[in-house]
Amino acid sequence: MTRAGQRVTCFVASDHESAADAVAAIAQGAGFAPHKVGPLKVARHLEAMAHLNIQLAVGMKGGTNAALVYHQATG
């Protein structure tokens, strides 16, 4: 799944490294760009991002054909 030539980000939070690796592999296989973000307690921040996405898509009528792409600049 891509947007503007970039794969859509799938954030993965887990207290178990092997579980995070398994989910990241599934996401990668489905065409997403997995990004492990740390322990499960970080998931509360991901939920806030989901609420923002819903507000943009539905509340502000931006449409539901949208996705988050995390890009880390280098240099």
PDB file of N, CA and C in Angstrom:
ATOM      1  N   MET A   1       0.849  -1.166   0.000  1.00  0.00           N
ATOM      2  CA  MET A   1       0.000   0.000   0.000  1.00  0.00           C
ATOM      3  C   MET A   1       0.897   1.231   0.000  1.00  0.00           C
ATOM      4  N   THR A   2       0.704   2.104  -0.953  1.00  0.00           N
ATOM      5  CA  THR A   2       1.556   3.286  -1.056  1.00  0.00           C
ATOM      6  C   THR A   2       0.735   4.553  -1.180  1.00  0.00           C
ATOM      7  N   ARG A   3       1.355   5.643  -0.811  1.00  0.00           N
ATOM      8  CA  ARG A   3       0.819   6.987  -0.993  1.00  0.00           C
ATOM      9  C   ARG A   3       1.960   7.833  -1.521  1.00  0.00           C
ATOM     10  N   ALA A   4       1.761   8.460  -2.654  1.00  0.00           N
ATOM     11  CA  ALA A   4       2.776   9.336  -3.264  1.00  0.00           C
ATOM     12  C   ALA A   4       4.125   8.620  -3.371  1.00  0.00           C
ATOM     13  N   GLY A   5       4.075   7.332  -3.722  1.00  0.00           N
ATOM     14  CA  GLY A   5       5.297   6.562  -3.898  1.00  0.00           C
ATOM     15  C   GLY A   5       5.944   6.055  -2.615  1.00  0.00           C
ATOM     16  N   GLN A   6       5.334   6.324  -1.478  1.00  0.00           N
ATOM     17  CA  GLN A   6       5.852   5.873  -0.179  1.00  0.00           C
ATOM     18  C   GLN A   6       4.915   4.801   0.382  1.00  0.00           C
ATOM     19  N   ARG A   7       5.506   3.783   0.979  1.00  0.00           N
ATOM     20  CA  ARG A   7       4.670   2.762   1.620  1.00  0.00           C
ATOM     21  C   ARG A   7       4.017   3.341   2.874  1.00  0.00           C
ATOM     22  N   VAL A   8       2.748   2.992   3.102  1.00  0.00           N
ATOM     23  CA  VAL A   8       2.019   3.434   4.285  1.00  0.00           C
ATOM     24  C   VAL A   8       2.649   2.789   5.513  1.00  0.00           C
ATOM     25  N   THR A   9       2.778   3.578   6.567  1.00  0.00           N
ATOM     26  CA  THR A   9       3.426   3.122   7.795  1.00  0.00           C
ATOM     27  C   THR A   9       2.481   2.281   8.642  1.00  0.00           C
ATOM     28  N   CYS A  10       3.006   1.194   9.177  1.00  0.00           N
ATOM     29  CA  CYS A  10       2.311   0.372  10.163  1.00  0.00           C
ATOM     30  C   CYS A  10       3.146   0.414  11.440  1.00  0.00           C
ATOM     31  N   PHE A  11       2.661   1.146  12.443  1.00  0.00           N
ATOM     32  CA  PHE A  11       3.384   1.239  13.700  1.00  0.00           C
ATOM     33  C   PHE A  11       3.131  -0.015  14.532  1.00  0.00           C
ATOM     34  N   VAL A  12       4.176  -0.538  15.157  1.00  0.00           N
ATOM     35  CA  VAL A  12       4.087  -1.769  15.944  1.00  0.00           C
ATOM     36  C   VAL A  12       4.628  -1.500  17.343  1.00  0.00           C
ATOM     37  N   ALA A  13       3.767  -1.705  18.350  1.00  0.00           N
ATOM     38  CA  ALA A  13       4.174  -1.571  19.749  1.00  0.00           C
ATOM     39  C   ALA A  13       3.985  -2.923  20.429  1.00  0.00           C
ATOM     40  N   SER A  14       5.005  -3.363  21.171  1.00  0.00           N
ATOM     41  CA  SER A  14       4.910  -4.663  21.831  1.00  0.00           C
ATOM     42  C   SER A  14       5.934  -4.768  22.948  1.00  0.00           C
ATOM     43  N   ASP A  15       5.571  -5.522  23.972  1.00  0.00           N
ATOM     44  CA  ASP A  15       6.507  -5.807  25.054  1.00  0.00           C
ATOM     45  C   ASP A  15       7.351  -7.041  24.742  1.00  0.00           C
ATOM     46  N   HIS A  16       7.066  -7.691  23.639  1.00  0.00           N
ATOM     47  CA  HIS A  16       7.770  -8.915  23.266  1.00  0.00           C
ATOM     48  C   HIS A  16       8.403  -8.733  21.892  1.00  0.00           C
ATOM     49  N   GLU A  17       9.713  -8.758  21.845  1.00  0.00           N
ATOM     50  CA  GLU A  17      10.448  -8.516  20.607  1.00  0.00           C
ATOM     51  C   GLU A  17      10.060  -9.502  19.507  1.00  0.00           C
ATOM     52  N   SER A  18       9.890 -10.764  19.873  1.00  0.00           N
ATOM     53  CA  SER A  18       9.545 -11.756  18.849  1.00  0.00           C
ATOM     54  C   SER A  18       8.148 -11.498  18.283  1.00  0.00           C
ATOM     55  N   ALA A  19       7.219 -11.056  19.117  1.00  0.00           N
ATOM     56  CA  ALA A  19       5.879 -10.725  18.640  1.00  0.00           C
ATOM     57  C   ALA A  19       5.930  -9.506  17.723  1.00  0.00           C
ATOM     58  N   ALA A  20       6.708  -8.491  18.113  1.00  0.00           N
ATOM     59  CA  ALA A  20       6.856  -7.289  17.282  1.00  0.00           C
ATOM     60  C   ALA A  20       7.458  -7.658  15.934  1.00  0.00           C
ATOM     61  N   ASP A  21       8.441  -8.536  15.948  1.00  0.00           N
ATOM     62  CA  ASP A  21       9.062  -8.980  14.696  1.00  0.00           C
ATOM     63  C   ASP A  21       8.060  -9.711  13.807  1.00  0.00           C
ATOM     64  N   ALA A  22       7.214 -10.550  14.419  1.00  0.00           N
ATOM     65  CA  ALA A  22       6.219 -11.305  13.651  1.00  0.00           C
ATOM     66  C   ALA A  22       5.193 -10.360  13.021  1.00  0.00           C
ATOM     67  N   VAL A  23       4.707  -9.395  13.784  1.00  0.00           N
ATOM     68  CA  VAL A  23       3.729  -8.438  13.260  1.00  0.00           C
ATOM     69  C   VAL A  23       4.367  -7.581  12.169  1.00  0.00           C
ATOM     70  N   ALA A  24       5.599  -7.149  12.391  1.00  0.00           N
ATOM     71  CA  ALA A  24       6.303  -6.346  11.385  1.00  0.00           C
ATOM     72  C   ALA A  24       6.476  -7.131  10.088  1.00  0.00           C
ATOM     73  N   ALA A  25       6.760  -8.416  10.193  1.00  0.00           N
ATOM     74  CA  ALA A  25       6.923  -9.255   9.002  1.00  0.00           C
ATOM     75  C   ALA A  25       5.605  -9.388   8.242  1.00  0.00           C
ATOM     76  N   ILE A  26       4.502  -9.544   8.977  1.00  0.00           N
ATOM     77  CA  ILE A  26       3.188  -9.627   8.334  1.00  0.00           C
ATOM     78  C   ILE A  26       2.864  -8.308   7.630  1.00  0.00           C
ATOM     79  N   ALA A  27       3.128  -7.200   8.314  1.00  0.00           N
ATOM     80  CA  ALA A  27       2.872  -5.879   7.728  1.00  0.00           C
ATOM     81  C   ALA A  27       3.715  -5.675   6.469  1.00  0.00           C
ATOM     82  N   GLN A  28       4.978  -6.060   6.550  1.00  0.00           N
ATOM     83  CA  GLN A  28       5.886  -5.940   5.400  1.00  0.00           C
ATOM     84  C   GLN A  28       5.354  -6.760   4.223  1.00  0.00           C
ATOM     85  N   GLY A  29       4.925  -7.971   4.511  1.00  0.00           N
ATOM     86  CA  GLY A  29       4.396  -8.847   3.470  1.00  0.00           C
ATOM     87  C   GLY A  29       3.115  -8.312   2.838  1.00  0.00           C
ATOM     88  N   ALA A  30       2.362  -7.523   3.599  1.00  0.00           N
ATOM     89  CA  ALA A  30       1.123  -6.941   3.090  1.00  0.00           C
ATOM     90  C   ALA A  30       1.357  -5.618   2.360  1.00  0.00           C
ATOM     91  N   GLY A  31       2.632  -5.201   2.281  1.00  0.00           N
ATOM     92  CA  GLY A  31       2.954  -3.984   1.534  1.00  0.00           C
ATOM     93  C   GLY A  31       3.103  -2.725   2.354  1.00  0.00           C
ATOM     94  N   PHE A  32       3.034  -2.844   3.671  1.00  0.00           N
ATOM     95  CA  PHE A  32       3.207  -1.693   4.542  1.00  0.00           C
ATOM     96  C   PHE A  32       4.683  -1.503   4.897  1.00  0.00           C
ATOM     97  N   ALA A  33       4.996  -0.356   5.474  1.00  0.00           N
ATOM     98  CA  ALA A  33       6.336  -0.080   5.996  1.00  0.00           C
ATOM     99  C   ALA A  33       6.256  -0.162   7.521  1.00  0.00           C
ATOM    100  N   PRO A  34       6.611  -1.304   8.101  1.00  0.00           N
ATOM    101  CA  PRO A  34       6.502  -1.432   9.555  1.00  0.00           C
ATOM    102  C   PRO A  34       7.547  -0.580  10.268  1.00  0.00           C
ATOM    103  N   HIS A  35       7.143  -0.033  11.398  1.00  0.00           N
ATOM    104  CA  HIS A  35       8.052   0.777  12.216  1.00  0.00           C
ATOM    105  C   HIS A  35       7.794   0.423  13.673  1.00  0.00           C
ATOM    106  N   LYS A  36       8.733  -0.291  14.286  1.00  0.00           N
ATOM    107  CA  LYS A  36       8.580  -0.672  15.688  1.00  0.00           C
ATOM    108  C   LYS A  36       8.840   0.558  16.555  1.00  0.00           C
ATOM    109  N   VAL A  37       7.894   0.850  17.457  1.00  0.00           N
ATOM    110  CA  VAL A  37       7.953   2.084  18.244  1.00  0.00           C
ATOM    111  C   VAL A  37       8.239   1.859  19.722  1.00  0.00           C
ATOM    112  N   GLY A  38       8.453   0.618  20.126  1.00  0.00           N
ATOM    113  CA  GLY A  38       8.802   0.361  21.518  1.00  0.00           C
ATOM    114  C   GLY A  38       7.754  -0.465  22.240  1.00  0.00           C
ATOM    115  N   PRO A  39       7.714  -0.337  23.577  1.00  0.00           N
ATOM    116  CA  PRO A  39       6.842  -1.183  24.392  1.00  0.00           C
ATOM    117  C   PRO A  39       5.363  -0.878  24.180  1.00  0.00           C
ATOM    118  N   LEU A  40       4.533  -1.803  24.637  1.00  0.00           N
ATOM    119  CA  LEU A  40       3.096  -1.703  24.461  1.00  0.00           C
ATOM    120  C   LEU A  40       2.525  -0.421  25.062  1.00  0.00           C
ATOM    121  N   LYS A  41       3.152   0.130  26.093  1.00  0.00           N
ATOM    122  CA  LYS A  41       2.626   1.351  26.710  1.00  0.00           C
ATOM    123  C   LYS A  41       2.622   2.526  25.727  1.00  0.00           C
ATOM    124  N   VAL A  42       3.386   2.425  24.643  1.00  0.00           N
ATOM    125  CA  VAL A  42       3.421   3.467  23.616  1.00  0.00           C
ATOM    126  C   VAL A  42       2.137   3.448  22.779  1.00  0.00           C
ATOM    127  N   ALA A  43       1.397   2.351  22.842  1.00  0.00           N
ATOM    128  CA  ALA A  43       0.178   2.219  22.038  1.00  0.00           C
ATOM    129  C   ALA A  43      -0.818   3.339  22.333  1.00  0.00           C
ATOM    130  N   ARG A  44      -0.797   3.903  23.531  1.00  0.00           N
ATOM    131  CA  ARG A  44      -1.726   4.994  23.844  1.00  0.00           C
ATOM    132  C   ARG A  44      -1.475   6.198  22.939  1.00  0.00           C
ATOM    133  N   HIS A  45      -0.233   6.400  22.526  1.00  0.00           N
ATOM    134  CA  HIS A  45       0.080   7.495  21.609  1.00  0.00           C
ATOM    135  C   HIS A  45      -0.399   7.159  20.192  1.00  0.00           C
ATOM    136  N   LEU A  46      -0.318   5.889  19.833  1.00  0.00           N
ATOM    137  CA  LEU A  46      -0.810   5.470  18.523  1.00  0.00           C
ATOM    138  C   LEU A  46      -2.326   5.642  18.442  1.00  0.00           C
ATOM    139  N   GLU A  47      -3.015   5.399  19.560  1.00  0.00           N
ATOM    140  CA  GLU A  47      -4.460   5.604  19.584  1.00  0.00           C
ATOM    141  C   GLU A  47      -4.793   7.072  19.357  1.00  0.00           C
ATOM    142  N   ALA A  48      -4.010   7.980  19.934  1.00  0.00           N
ATOM    143  CA  ALA A  48      -4.239   9.413  19.722  1.00  0.00           C
ATOM    144  C   ALA A  48      -4.032   9.774  18.252  1.00  0.00           C
ATOM    145  N   MET A  49      -3.043   9.158  17.627  1.00  0.00           N
ATOM    146  CA  MET A  49      -2.815   9.400  16.196  1.00  0.00           C
ATOM    147  C   MET A  49      -4.007   8.907  15.375  1.00  0.00           C
ATOM    148  N   ALA A  50      -4.587   7.793  15.777  1.00  0.00           N
ATOM    149  CA  ALA A  50      -5.757   7.267  15.077  1.00  0.00           C
ATOM    150  C   ALA A  50      -6.932   8.230  15.209  1.00  0.00           C
ATOM    151  N   HIS A  51      -7.113   8.808  16.393  1.00  0.00           N
ATOM    152  CA  HIS A  51      -8.189   9.781  16.590  1.00  0.00           C
ATOM    153  C   HIS A  51      -7.972  11.013  15.714  1.00  0.00           C
ATOM    154  N   LEU A  52      -6.734  11.456  15.587  1.00  0.00           N
ATOM    155  CA  LEU A  52      -6.419  12.585  14.707  1.00  0.00           C
ATOM    156  C   LEU A  52      -6.746  12.234  13.260  1.00  0.00           C
ATOM    157  N   ASN A  53      -6.380  11.049  12.842  1.00  0.00           N
ATOM    158  CA  ASN A  53      -6.660  10.607  11.475  1.00  0.00           C
ATOM    159  C   ASN A  53      -8.169  10.576  11.213  1.00  0.00           C
ATOM    160  N   ILE A  54      -8.937  10.101  12.186  1.00  0.00           N
ATOM    161  CA  ILE A  54     -10.395  10.067  12.049  1.00  0.00           C
ATOM    162  C   ILE A  54     -10.952  11.488  11.960  1.00  0.00           C
ATOM    163  N   GLN A  55     -10.442  12.391  12.775  1.00  0.00           N
ATOM    164  CA  GLN A  55     -10.889  13.778  12.740  1.00  0.00           C
ATOM    165  C   GLN A  55     -10.620  14.405  11.375  1.00  0.00           C
ATOM    166  N   LEU A  56      -9.428  14.172  10.842  1.00  0.00           N
ATOM    167  CA  LEU A  56      -9.090  14.717   9.533  1.00  0.00           C
ATOM    168  C   LEU A  56      -9.964  14.118   8.437  1.00  0.00           C
ATOM    169  N   ALA A  57     -10.161  12.816   8.498  1.00  0.00           N
ATOM    170  CA  ALA A  57     -10.883  12.111   7.440  1.00  0.00           C
ATOM    171  C   ALA A  57     -12.386  12.352   7.495  1.00  0.00           C
ATOM    172  N   VAL A  58     -12.954  12.246   8.680  1.00  0.00           N
ATOM    173  CA  VAL A  58     -14.407  12.302   8.813  1.00  0.00           C
ATOM    174  C   VAL A  58     -14.871  13.664   9.332  1.00  0.00           C
ATOM    175  N   GLY A  59     -14.297  14.101  10.435  1.00  0.00           N
ATOM    176  CA  GLY A  59     -14.723  15.347  11.061  1.00  0.00           C
ATOM    177  C   GLY A  59     -14.500  16.561  10.182  1.00  0.00           C
ATOM    178  N   MET A  60     -13.400  16.567   9.431  1.00  0.00           N
ATOM    179  CA  MET A  60     -13.090  17.707   8.572  1.00  0.00           C
ATOM    180  C   MET A  60     -13.358  17.387   7.097  1.00  0.00           C
ATOM    181  N   LYS A  61     -14.018  16.246   6.876  1.00  0.00           N
ATOM    182  CA  LYS A  61     -14.419  15.806   5.539  1.00  0.00           C
ATOM    183  C   LYS A  61     -13.239  15.710   4.562  1.00  0.00           C
ATOM    184  N   GLY A  62     -12.117  15.241   5.074  1.00  0.00           N
ATOM    185  CA  GLY A  62     -10.944  15.049   4.228  1.00  0.00           C
ATOM    186  C   GLY A  62     -11.012  13.770   3.416  1.00  0.00           C
ATOM    187  N   GLY A  63     -11.948  12.905   3.760  1.00  0.00           N
ATOM    188  CA  GLY A  63     -12.105  11.645   3.051  1.00  0.00           C
ATOM    189  C   GLY A  63     -11.334  10.526   3.724  1.00  0.00           C
ATOM    190  N   THR A  64     -11.791   9.333   3.488  1.00  0.00           N
ATOM    191  CA  THR A  64     -11.190   8.171   4.144  1.00  0.00           C
ATOM    192  C   THR A  64     -10.090   7.513   3.323  1.00  0.00           C
ATOM    193  N   ASN A  65      -9.775   8.048   2.175  1.00  0.00           N
ATOM    194  CA  ASN A  65      -8.691   7.510   1.366  1.00  0.00           C
ATOM    195  C   ASN A  65      -7.386   8.230   1.746  1.00  0.00           C
ATOM    196  N   ALA A  66      -6.990   8.059   2.992  1.00  0.00           N
ATOM    197  CA  ALA A  66      -5.801   8.725   3.518  1.00  0.00           C
ATOM    198  C   ALA A  66      -5.023   7.741   4.378  1.00  0.00           C
ATOM    199  N   ALA A  67      -3.756   8.036   4.582  1.00  0.00           N
ATOM    200  CA  ALA A  67      -2.928   7.156   5.398  1.00  0.00           C
ATOM    201  C   ALA A  67      -1.734   7.934   5.933  1.00  0.00           C
ATOM    202  N   LEU A  68      -1.160   7.423   7.012  1.00  0.00           N
ATOM    203  CA  LEU A  68       0.027   8.043   7.586  1.00  0.00           C
ATOM    204  C   LEU A  68       1.282   7.429   6.969  1.00  0.00           C
ATOM    205  N   VAL A  69       2.208   8.286   6.604  1.00  0.00           N
ATOM    206  CA  VAL A  69       3.510   7.861   6.101  1.00  0.00           C
ATOM    207  C   VAL A  69       4.555   8.530   6.967  1.00  0.00           C
ATOM    208  N   TYR A  70       5.285   7.732   7.738  1.00  0.00           N
ATOM    209  CA  TYR A  70       6.341   8.267   8.596  1.00  0.00           C
ATOM    210  C   TYR A  70       7.621   8.303   7.796  1.00  0.00           C
ATOM    211  N   HIS A  71       8.218   9.471   7.716  1.00  0.00           N
ATOM    212  CA  HIS A  71       9.468   9.637   6.980  1.00  0.00           C
ATOM    213  C   HIS A  71      10.484  10.266   7.911  1.00  0.00           C
ATOM    214  N   GLN A  72      11.568   9.578   8.149  1.00  0.00           N
ATOM    215  CA  GLN A  72      12.619  10.090   9.016  1.00  0.00           C
ATOM    216  C   GLN A  72      13.717  10.702   8.143  1.00  0.00           C
ATOM    217  N   ALA A  73      13.878  11.995   8.255  1.00  0.00           N
ATOM    218  CA  ALA A  73      14.889  12.692   7.462  1.00  0.00           C
ATOM    219  C   ALA A  73      16.280  12.321   7.962  1.00  0.00           C
ATOM    220  N   THR A  74      17.214  12.250   7.047  1.00  0.00           N
ATOM    221  CA  THR A  74      18.593  11.967   7.412  1.00  0.00           C
ATOM    222  C   THR A  74      19.473  13.138   7.000  1.00  0.00           C
ATOM    223  N   GLY A  75      20.615  13.189   7.639  1.00  0.00           N
ATOM    224  CA  GLY A  75      21.580  14.215   7.252  1.00  0.00           C
ATOM    225  C   GLY A  75      21.622  15.336   8.118  1.00  0.00           C
TER     226      GLY A  75
END
